[in-house]
Amino acid sequence: MADRPAEPEDDFPHGAGNPARSALRHAGYTRLAQLTDVTAAEVLALHGVGPKAIRVLREALAAEGLSFAGERVSE
């Protein structure tokens, strides 16, 4: 029996919370960089994603020099 993760791997920060990470995976996102193609409002509209998750994701994106679509990366 192979040891495989029960869910697809992702690189989202754990601080975003499991419901938010699950919602993102369910919507087809598995990499933080994919979130540069969507707005924070679009992600917030996903069931399971709340303001805290958006804040954590925004911080993680900024740490990589990235941002949600339509936002500027602060330097």
C-alpha atoms as a PDB file:
ATOM      1  CA  MET A   1       0.000   0.000   0.000  1.00  0.00           C
ATOM      2  CA  ALA A   2       1.551   3.282  -1.111  1.00  0.00           C
ATOM      3  CA  ASP A   3       1.806   6.170   1.305  1.00  0.00           C
ATOM      4  CA  ARG A   4      -0.002   8.929  -0.555  1.00  0.00           C
ATOM      5  CA  PRO A   5      -1.444  12.101   0.906  1.00  0.00           C
ATOM      6  CA  ALA A   6      -5.225  12.019   1.224  1.00  0.00           C
ATOM      7  CA  GLU A   7      -5.504  15.398  -0.484  1.00  0.00           C
ATOM      8  CA  PRO A   8      -3.506  17.059  -3.263  1.00  0.00           C
ATOM      9  CA  GLU A   9      -0.417  18.895  -2.151  1.00  0.00           C
ATOM     10  CA  ASP A  10      -0.499  22.660  -1.997  1.00  0.00           C
ATOM     11  CA  ASP A  11       1.863  25.383  -0.904  1.00  0.00           C
ATOM     12  CA  PHE A  12      -0.648  27.546   0.925  1.00  0.00           C
ATOM     13  CA  PRO A  13       0.317  28.701   4.407  1.00  0.00           C
ATOM     14  CA  HIS A  14      -1.208  26.612   7.185  1.00  0.00           C
ATOM     15  CA  GLY A  15      -2.193  29.834   8.957  1.00  0.00           C
ATOM     16  CA  ALA A  16      -4.901  30.300   6.318  1.00  0.00           C
ATOM     17  CA  GLY A  17      -6.799  27.449   7.974  1.00  0.00           C
ATOM     18  CA  ASN A  18      -7.865  24.064   6.701  1.00  0.00           C
ATOM     19  CA  PRO A  19     -11.323  25.154   5.471  1.00  0.00           C
ATOM     20  CA  ALA A  20      -9.758  27.876   3.321  1.00  0.00           C
ATOM     21  CA  ARG A  21      -7.006  25.611   1.992  1.00  0.00           C
ATOM     22  CA  SER A  22      -9.602  22.957   1.173  1.00  0.00           C
ATOM     23  CA  ALA A  23     -11.809  25.534  -0.574  1.00  0.00           C
ATOM     24  CA  LEU A  24      -8.874  26.704  -2.674  1.00  0.00           C
ATOM     25  CA  ARG A  25      -7.975  23.151  -3.686  1.00  0.00           C
ATOM     26  CA  HIS A  26     -11.616  22.413  -4.495  1.00  0.00           C
ATOM     27  CA  ALA A  27     -11.641  25.506  -6.746  1.00  0.00           C
ATOM     28  CA  GLY A  28      -8.580  24.133  -8.564  1.00  0.00           C
ATOM     29  CA  TYR A  29      -5.831  26.145  -6.895  1.00  0.00           C
ATOM     30  CA  THR A  30      -2.863  24.242  -5.511  1.00  0.00           C
ATOM     31  CA  ARG A  31      -0.092  26.831  -5.712  1.00  0.00           C
ATOM     32  CA  LEU A  32       0.182  30.261  -4.145  1.00  0.00           C
ATOM     33  CA  ALA A  33       1.361  31.716  -7.466  1.00  0.00           C
ATOM     34  CA  GLN A  34      -1.976  30.761  -9.063  1.00  0.00           C
ATOM     35  CA  LEU A  35      -3.689  33.327  -6.840  1.00  0.00           C
ATOM     36  CA  THR A  36      -2.055  36.142  -8.806  1.00  0.00           C
ATOM     37  CA  ASP A  37      -4.681  35.496 -11.499  1.00  0.00           C
ATOM     38  CA  VAL A  38      -7.665  36.139  -9.201  1.00  0.00           C
ATOM     39  CA  THR A  39      -8.719  39.001  -6.972  1.00  0.00           C
ATOM     40  CA  ALA A  40      -8.917  38.779  -3.208  1.00  0.00           C
ATOM     41  CA  ALA A  41     -12.690  39.308  -3.548  1.00  0.00           C
ATOM     42  CA  GLU A  42     -12.977  36.251  -5.796  1.00  0.00           C
ATOM     43  CA  VAL A  43     -11.075  34.123  -3.287  1.00  0.00           C
ATOM     44  CA  LEU A  44     -13.103  35.544  -0.403  1.00  0.00           C
ATOM     45  CA  ALA A  45     -16.272  34.457  -2.213  1.00  0.00           C
ATOM     46  CA  LEU A  46     -15.227  30.803  -1.897  1.00  0.00           C
ATOM     47  CA  HIS A  47     -17.103  28.968   0.851  1.00  0.00           C
ATOM     48  CA  GLY A  48     -14.638  28.432   3.684  1.00  0.00           C
ATOM     49  CA  VAL A  49     -12.456  31.453   2.965  1.00  0.00           C
ATOM     50  CA  GLY A  50     -12.736  34.350   5.378  1.00  0.00           C
ATOM     51  CA  PRO A  51     -10.948  37.635   6.037  1.00  0.00           C
ATOM     52  CA  LYS A  52      -8.216  35.990   8.123  1.00  0.00           C
ATOM     53  CA  ALA A  53      -7.366  33.600   5.280  1.00  0.00           C
ATOM     54  CA  ILE A  54      -7.191  36.520   2.840  1.00  0.00           C
ATOM     55  CA  ARG A  55      -4.820  38.364   5.178  1.00  0.00           C
ATOM     56  CA  VAL A  56      -2.583  35.298   5.589  1.00  0.00           C
ATOM     57  CA  LEU A  57      -2.593  34.595   1.846  1.00  0.00           C
ATOM     58  CA  ARG A  58      -1.874  38.248   1.043  1.00  0.00           C
ATOM     59  CA  GLU A  59       1.105  38.189   3.425  1.00  0.00           C
ATOM     60  CA  ALA A  60       2.388  34.935   1.913  1.00  0.00           C
ATOM     61  CA  LEU A  61       2.042  36.341  -1.600  1.00  0.00           C
ATOM     62  CA  ALA A  62       3.871  39.536  -0.609  1.00  0.00           C
ATOM     63  CA  ALA A  63       6.706  37.487   0.904  1.00  0.00           C
ATOM     64  CA  GLU A  64       7.194  35.983  -2.568  1.00  0.00           C
ATOM     65  CA  GLY A  65       6.939  39.374  -4.304  1.00  0.00           C
ATOM     66  CA  LEU A  66       3.449  38.490  -5.567  1.00  0.00           C
ATOM     67  CA  SER A  67      -0.064  39.812  -5.035  1.00  0.00           C
ATOM     68  CA  PHE A  68      -3.683  39.056  -5.824  1.00  0.00           C
ATOM     69  CA  ALA A  69      -4.802  40.289  -9.255  1.00  0.00           C
ATOM     70  CA  GLY A  70      -5.306  44.047  -9.264  1.00  0.00           C
ATOM     71  CA  GLU A  71      -3.186  44.654  -6.163  1.00  0.00           C
ATOM     72  CA  ARG A  72       0.270  46.090  -5.997  1.00  0.00           C
ATOM     73  CA  VAL A  73       3.043  44.461  -4.040  1.00  0.00           C
ATOM     74  CA  SER A  74       4.177  46.827  -1.297  1.00  0.00           C
ATOM     75  CA  GLU A  75       7.916  47.197  -0.985  1.00  0.00           C
END
